[in-house]
Amino acid sequence: MEIIRLKPVFKDYIWGGNRLRDEFGFESEYKILAEGWMLAARNDGENTCIGGKFDGMPFSDIIKAHPEYLGTNGNKFPFFPLLIKLIDAKNDLSVQVHPNDEYAMKTEGEFGKTECWYILDCEPDSEIIFGFKKEISKDEFRRSVEDGTFLQYVNREKVKKGDLFFIEAGTLHAIGKGILLAEIQQNSNITYRVYDYGRLGADGRPRPLHIENAIEVTECVPPKPESKGAGVPEIYDGFTKQPLVKCDLFTTDKYTSHGSFTLNADDTSFVSLLITDGSGEIDGLNVKKGDSLFVPARYGEFTLSGNFDVIVSRV
């Protein structure tokens, strides 16, 4: 059993920039690098393995051959449970919402999407759209979309580096321009757009909106207070741990290494490691900013050493 290094999948959505290329050193034929899918096993985007005995293999083939790598928690899901991304929003993303599992399965034949955002960096005065200023009815929501007053009702949040937002399915949201973030989410790509600033897609036509679906699934309320903010940092010898999210779908923490320490991949879950800054070693593997590693369940203890930030996710 070995730790698997993953090659990202890139997306060139029109709102993206080039920070993933310029700051993380990623290479791609795309002119725009809007997203890097760092842990992905999907038909519309899949990692391949770099090095080791699985070199060049699609990630989903490895999981199919070794379902035990998911752990007892991971094997409860009928699909690979997580999708983890780096997102560079040079411009505003569309205002959108994701359905819950029940609605998504009934309507799309796929599971829904709960996610979290960890702000890696942002320009001064950057902001996100996150829920509504106050509770409104579905009829009010519909009328505001129809009469062009929709943006008057949305809640805007100023963001700074290190902020955390937990976005449950049904929450209206949008990443604003100038934000670089890591997104940990259910393995789903269902998005219902409500508003897209009148932009044209690559085909020269307005990108489609999904108003009726969005109205059906959106919780027209302000965000919950507990959905904003990372946990209090915990300082240990060799590292600092900052809890980010713990929910029924995944647990995510940020670790800052300034020495050496160990983590454990037990029989319950695999461990995803996303290096967001610095460099070091993980069980003898050299790692640097932008690296994504998959530690199989039952791997046991592994050692992290050096000076780097890593986002650690489990199910």
Protein backbone atom coordinates (compact mmCIF):
# COMPACT_ATOMS: atom_id res chain seq x y z
CA MET A 1 0.00 0.00 0.00
CA GLU A 2 1.38 3.43 -0.93
CA ILE A 3 0.42 7.10 -0.91
CA ILE A 4 -0.91 8.14 -4.32
CA ARG A 5 0.06 11.46 -5.92
CA LEU A 6 -2.66 12.86 -8.18
CA LYS A 7 -2.45 14.93 -11.37
CA PRO A 8 -5.05 17.75 -11.40
CA VAL A 9 -7.81 18.18 -13.97
CA PHE A 10 -8.27 21.78 -15.18
CA LYS A 11 -11.35 23.72 -16.27
CA ASP A 12 -11.25 26.92 -18.35
CA TYR A 13 -14.53 28.55 -17.34
CA ILE A 14 -14.91 32.13 -18.56
CA TRP A 15 -14.66 33.74 -15.12
CA GLY A 16 -11.25 32.21 -14.29
CA GLY A 17 -7.78 33.70 -14.20
CA ASN A 18 -4.19 32.48 -14.14
CA ARG A 19 -3.19 32.31 -10.50
CA LEU A 20 -3.21 28.51 -10.60
CA ARG A 21 -0.57 28.67 -13.33
CA ASP A 22 1.42 31.61 -12.00
CA GLU A 23 1.42 30.78 -8.28
CA PHE A 24 1.05 26.99 -8.19
CA GLY A 25 3.14 26.19 -11.26
CA PHE A 26 0.43 24.16 -12.98
CA GLU A 27 0.79 23.51 -16.68
CA SER A 28 -2.12 23.33 -19.10
CA GLU A 29 -2.94 24.07 -22.72
CA TYR A 30 -5.85 26.22 -21.54
CA LYS A 31 -5.36 29.99 -21.59
CA ILE A 32 -7.61 30.31 -18.52
CA LEU A 33 -7.29 28.07 -15.47
CA ALA A 34 -10.48 28.65 -13.52
CA GLU A 35 -10.44 25.41 -11.53
CA GLY A 36 -8.03 22.65 -10.67
CA TRP A 37 -9.81 19.46 -9.66
CA MET A 38 -7.38 18.07 -7.11
CA LEU A 39 -9.33 15.00 -5.97
CA ALA A 40 -11.74 13.86 -8.68
CA ALA A 41 -13.22 10.60 -9.92
CA ARG A 42 -15.91 11.66 -12.38
CA ASN A 43 -16.77 11.17 -16.04
CA ASP A 44 -16.40 14.93 -16.57
CA GLY A 45 -13.06 15.15 -14.78
CA GLU A 46 -10.72 12.55 -13.36
CA ASN A 47 -7.25 12.55 -11.82
CA THR A 48 -4.49 10.25 -12.94
CA CYS A 49 -1.78 8.86 -10.72
CA ILE A 50 1.77 10.27 -10.85
CA GLY A 51 4.57 7.84 -9.99
CA GLY A 52 4.56 4.64 -7.98
CA LYS A 53 3.00 1.35 -8.97
CA PHE A 54 -0.15 3.06 -10.31
CA ASP A 55 1.70 5.58 -12.50
CA GLY A 56 -0.52 6.85 -15.33
CA MET A 57 -3.65 5.02 -14.15
CA PRO A 58 -7.00 6.83 -13.92
CA PHE A 59 -7.88 7.38 -10.27
CA SER A 60 -11.29 5.68 -10.56
CA ASP A 61 -9.62 2.52 -11.91
CA ILE A 62 -7.47 2.37 -8.79
CA ILE A 63 -10.54 2.74 -6.56
CA LYS A 64 -12.46 0.08 -8.50
CA ALA A 65 -9.55 -2.31 -8.12
CA HIS A 66 -9.13 -1.47 -4.44
CA PRO A 67 -12.47 -0.47 -2.87
CA GLU A 68 -10.90 -1.08 0.54
CA TYR A 69 -8.92 2.14 -0.03
CA LEU A 70 -12.10 4.11 0.73
CA GLY A 71 -12.53 2.71 4.24
CA THR A 72 -15.72 1.72 5.99
CA ASN A 73 -17.14 5.25 5.84
CA GLY A 74 -16.22 5.72 2.19
CA ASN A 75 -17.76 2.41 1.19
CA LYS A 76 -21.15 3.56 2.48
CA PHE A 77 -21.42 5.81 -0.58
CA PRO A 78 -22.47 4.44 -4.00
CA PHE A 79 -19.81 6.62 -5.67
CA PHE A 80 -16.48 8.21 -4.76
CA PRO A 81 -17.67 10.63 -2.07
CA LEU A 82 -15.57 13.80 -2.46
CA LEU A 83 -14.60 16.35 -5.08
CA ILE A 84 -11.89 18.83 -4.04
CA LYS A 85 -10.98 21.88 -6.11
CA LEU A 86 -8.78 24.94 -6.22
CA ILE A 87 -10.76 27.86 -7.68
CA ASP A 88 -9.38 31.13 -9.07
CA ALA A 89 -12.17 33.65 -9.59
CA LYS A 90 -10.74 36.51 -11.61
CA ASN A 91 -14.33 37.60 -12.22
CA ASP A 92 -17.64 37.01 -10.45
CA LEU A 93 -19.15 33.56 -10.67
CA SER A 94 -22.85 33.18 -11.38
CA VAL A 95 -25.28 33.36 -8.47
CA GLN A 96 -26.34 29.76 -8.01
CA VAL A 97 -27.67 27.03 -5.78
CA HIS A 98 -27.17 23.27 -5.48
CA PRO A 99 -29.97 20.78 -4.68
CA ASN A 100 -30.04 18.31 -1.80
CA ASP A 101 -29.70 14.57 -2.37
CA GLU A 102 -33.43 13.84 -2.53
CA TYR A 103 -34.20 16.49 -5.15
CA ALA A 104 -31.05 15.80 -7.16
CA MET A 105 -31.69 12.07 -7.38
CA LYS A 106 -35.31 12.62 -8.40
CA THR A 107 -34.52 15.29 -11.00
CA GLU A 108 -30.95 14.66 -12.19
CA GLY A 109 -30.22 11.06 -11.24
CA GLU A 110 -27.22 12.20 -9.19
CA PHE A 111 -26.58 13.15 -5.60
CA GLY A 112 -26.79 16.72 -4.37
CA LYS A 113 -24.05 19.09 -3.32
CA THR A 114 -23.01 20.43 0.05
CA GLU A 115 -19.64 22.18 0.06
CA CYS A 116 -17.27 24.42 1.98
CA TRP A 117 -14.96 27.24 0.91
CA TYR A 118 -11.64 28.00 2.54
CA ILE A 119 -10.31 31.38 1.40
CA LEU A 120 -6.65 31.00 0.44
CA ASP A 121 -6.21 34.58 -0.73
CA CYS A 122 -8.26 37.50 -2.00
CA GLU A 123 -8.04 41.07 -3.22
CA PRO A 124 -9.00 43.89 -0.84
CA ASP A 125 -12.80 44.29 -0.47
CA SER A 126 -13.52 40.93 -2.09
CA GLU A 127 -16.90 39.47 -1.21
CA ILE A 128 -19.16 36.51 -1.73
CA ILE A 129 -22.92 36.17 -2.00
CA PHE A 130 -24.14 33.89 0.78
CA GLY A 131 -27.86 33.42 1.40
CA PHE A 132 -30.31 36.32 1.76
CA LYS A 133 -30.33 39.50 3.87
CA LYS A 134 -33.64 38.41 5.40
CA GLU A 135 -36.12 35.61 4.92
CA ILE A 136 -38.31 35.99 1.84
CA SER A 137 -41.00 33.82 0.29
CA LYS A 138 -40.62 31.73 -2.84
CA ASP A 139 -43.03 34.13 -4.58
CA GLU A 140 -40.88 37.11 -3.60
CA PHE A 141 -37.82 35.27 -4.88
CA ARG A 142 -39.52 34.62 -8.21
CA ARG A 143 -40.77 38.20 -8.58
CA SER A 144 -37.34 39.64 -7.81
CA VAL A 145 -35.78 37.52 -10.57
CA GLU A 146 -38.50 38.53 -13.02
CA ASP A 147 -38.37 42.27 -12.27
CA GLY A 148 -34.57 42.55 -12.01
CA THR A 149 -34.43 43.41 -8.30
CA PHE A 150 -32.97 40.05 -7.25
CA LEU A 151 -29.55 41.34 -6.19
CA GLN A 152 -31.17 43.73 -3.71
CA TYR A 153 -32.16 40.75 -1.54
CA VAL A 154 -28.91 38.76 -1.44
CA ASN A 155 -26.54 38.76 1.51
CA ARG A 156 -22.98 39.87 0.73
CA GLU A 157 -20.07 38.93 2.96
CA LYS A 158 -16.65 40.58 2.90
CA VAL A 159 -13.94 37.93 2.95
CA LYS A 160 -10.31 37.71 3.99
CA LYS A 161 -7.60 35.10 3.84
CA GLY A 162 -8.35 32.24 6.23
CA ASP A 163 -12.15 32.61 6.20
CA LEU A 164 -14.31 29.49 6.07
CA PHE A 165 -17.87 29.19 4.73
CA PHE A 166 -19.97 26.02 5.00
CA ILE A 167 -22.53 25.98 2.19
CA GLU A 168 -25.23 23.39 2.65
CA ALA A 169 -27.33 22.25 -0.31
CA GLY A 170 -30.13 24.78 -0.86
CA THR A 171 -27.98 27.81 0.05
CA LEU A 172 -27.82 30.62 -2.50
CA HIS A 173 -24.17 31.55 -3.14
CA ALA A 174 -21.60 33.03 -5.50
CA ILE A 175 -17.83 33.50 -5.38
CA GLY A 176 -16.89 37.11 -6.06
CA LYS A 177 -14.04 38.34 -8.23
CA GLY A 178 -10.53 38.40 -6.82
CA ILE A 179 -10.88 35.30 -4.63
CA LEU A 180 -8.68 32.22 -4.58
CA LEU A 181 -10.11 29.34 -2.56
CA ALA A 182 -10.15 25.63 -1.87
CA GLU A 183 -13.51 23.91 -2.20
CA ILE A 184 -14.30 20.60 -0.51
CA GLN A 185 -17.65 19.19 -1.62
CA GLN A 186 -19.84 16.23 -2.29
CA ASN A 187 -18.93 14.53 -5.53
CA SER A 188 -21.60 16.24 -7.62
CA ASN A 189 -21.57 18.87 -10.35
CA ILE A 190 -25.23 19.92 -10.35
CA THR A 191 -25.58 23.70 -10.39
CA TYR A 192 -28.71 25.79 -10.90
CA ARG A 193 -27.84 29.31 -12.06
CA VAL A 194 -30.09 32.14 -10.97
CA TYR A 195 -28.18 35.13 -12.31
CA ASP A 196 -25.13 35.42 -14.57
CA TYR A 197 -24.60 39.15 -15.23
CA GLY A 198 -25.74 38.76 -18.84
CA ARG A 199 -22.52 37.04 -19.87
CA LEU A 200 -22.04 35.05 -23.04
CA GLY A 201 -20.59 31.57 -23.11
CA ALA A 202 -17.92 30.23 -25.45
CA ASP A 203 -20.63 29.74 -28.11
CA GLY A 204 -21.50 33.45 -28.04
CA ARG A 205 -24.88 32.86 -26.40
CA PRO A 206 -26.05 33.69 -22.88
CA ARG A 207 -25.23 30.88 -20.50
CA PRO A 208 -28.40 29.02 -19.50
CA LEU A 209 -30.23 29.83 -16.29
CA HIS A 210 -32.25 27.35 -14.24
CA ILE A 211 -34.75 29.60 -12.51
CA GLU A 212 -37.54 27.12 -11.78
CA ASN A 213 -35.20 24.48 -10.38
CA ALA A 214 -33.44 27.11 -8.28
CA ILE A 215 -36.69 28.44 -6.83
CA GLU A 216 -37.74 24.91 -5.88
CA VAL A 217 -34.53 24.05 -4.00
CA THR A 218 -33.39 27.38 -2.51
CA GLU A 219 -33.80 28.05 1.20
CA CYS A 220 -34.73 31.75 1.08
CA VAL A 221 -33.19 32.65 4.43
CA PRO A 222 -30.05 34.29 5.86
CA PRO A 223 -27.04 32.04 6.46
CA LYS A 224 -26.79 30.26 9.79
CA PRO A 225 -24.28 31.92 12.16
CA GLU A 226 -22.43 28.62 12.63
CA SER A 227 -21.88 28.29 8.86
CA LYS A 228 -19.24 31.04 8.91
CA GLY A 229 -15.80 30.86 10.48
CA ALA A 230 -13.08 28.28 11.02
CA GLY A 231 -12.46 26.68 14.39
CA VAL A 232 -9.97 27.92 16.96
CA PRO A 233 -6.38 26.92 16.06
CA GLU A 234 -4.87 24.18 18.22
CA ILE A 235 -1.11 24.54 18.74
CA TYR A 236 1.02 21.43 19.13
CA ASP A 237 4.70 20.57 18.97
CA GLY A 238 5.61 20.70 15.29
CA PHE A 239 2.28 21.80 13.88
CA THR A 240 -0.90 23.80 14.26
CA LYS A 241 -4.32 22.32 13.56
CA GLN A 242 -7.31 24.47 12.63
CA PRO A 243 -10.68 22.68 12.41
CA LEU A 244 -12.66 23.77 9.34
CA VAL A 245 -15.76 21.59 8.85
CA LYS A 246 -17.20 18.48 10.46
CA CYS A 247 -20.48 17.23 8.99
CA ASP A 248 -22.11 13.94 8.03
CA LEU A 249 -20.46 14.05 4.61
CA PHE A 250 -16.85 14.99 5.35
CA THR A 251 -14.41 16.38 7.91
CA THR A 252 -11.84 18.96 6.86
CA ASP A 253 -9.01 20.56 8.84
CA LYS A 254 -6.09 22.80 7.99
CA TYR A 255 -2.67 21.88 9.34
CA THR A 256 0.39 24.12 9.33
CA SER A 257 3.61 22.14 9.64
CA HIS A 258 6.64 23.83 11.17
CA GLY A 259 8.52 20.70 12.14
CA SER A 260 7.43 17.07 12.07
CA PHE A 261 4.27 15.23 13.13
CA THR A 262 2.19 12.17 12.28
CA LEU A 263 -1.36 11.58 11.12
CA ASN A 264 -3.21 8.29 10.72
CA ALA A 265 -5.28 6.77 7.93
CA ASP A 266 -7.28 4.15 9.82
CA ASP A 267 -9.85 1.65 8.55
CA THR A 268 -12.71 4.18 8.54
CA SER A 269 -11.58 6.56 5.77
CA PHE A 270 -8.98 7.55 3.24
CA VAL A 271 -7.18 10.87 3.81
CA SER A 272 -6.91 13.61 1.17
CA LEU A 273 -3.91 15.95 1.50
CA LEU A 274 -3.90 19.23 -0.46
CA ILE A 275 -0.75 21.33 -0.07
CA THR A 276 -1.74 25.00 -0.29
CA ASP A 277 1.60 26.63 0.56
CA GLY A 278 5.23 25.79 1.30
CA SER A 279 7.07 22.50 0.87
CA GLY A 280 8.28 19.47 2.79
CA GLU A 281 7.96 15.70 2.90
CA ILE A 282 5.15 13.25 3.57
CA ASP A 283 6.39 9.74 4.35
CA GLY A 284 9.47 10.33 2.21
CA LEU A 285 7.62 11.94 -0.71
CA ASN A 286 8.70 15.47 -1.57
CA VAL A 287 5.69 17.80 -1.61
CA LYS A 288 5.13 21.42 -2.53
CA LYS A 289 2.36 23.94 -3.02
CA GLY A 290 -0.28 22.52 -5.37
CA ASP A 291 0.37 18.84 -4.68
CA SER A 292 -2.58 16.53 -3.97
CA LEU A 293 -2.09 13.18 -2.28
CA PHE A 294 -4.48 10.32 -1.54
CA VAL A 295 -3.67 8.18 1.48
CA PRO A 296 -5.64 4.90 1.38
CA ALA A 297 -7.65 3.76 4.37
CA ARG A 298 -5.72 1.29 6.55
CA TYR A 299 -2.40 2.84 5.48
CA GLY A 300 -1.74 3.63 9.13
CA GLU A 301 0.49 6.41 10.46
CA PHE A 302 2.37 8.71 8.10
CA THR A 303 4.82 11.50 8.86
CA LEU A 304 4.60 15.08 7.66
CA SER A 305 7.68 17.29 7.96
CA GLY A 306 8.75 20.68 6.67
CA ASN A 307 7.15 24.09 6.46
CA PHE A 308 3.83 23.97 4.63
CA ASP A 309 0.06 24.31 4.89
CA VAL A 310 -2.08 21.28 4.10
CA ILE A 311 -5.85 20.82 3.95
CA VAL A 312 -6.72 17.37 5.31
CA SER A 313 -10.08 15.84 4.40
CA ARG A 314 -11.77 12.56 5.34
CA VAL A 315 -15.27 11.04 5.14
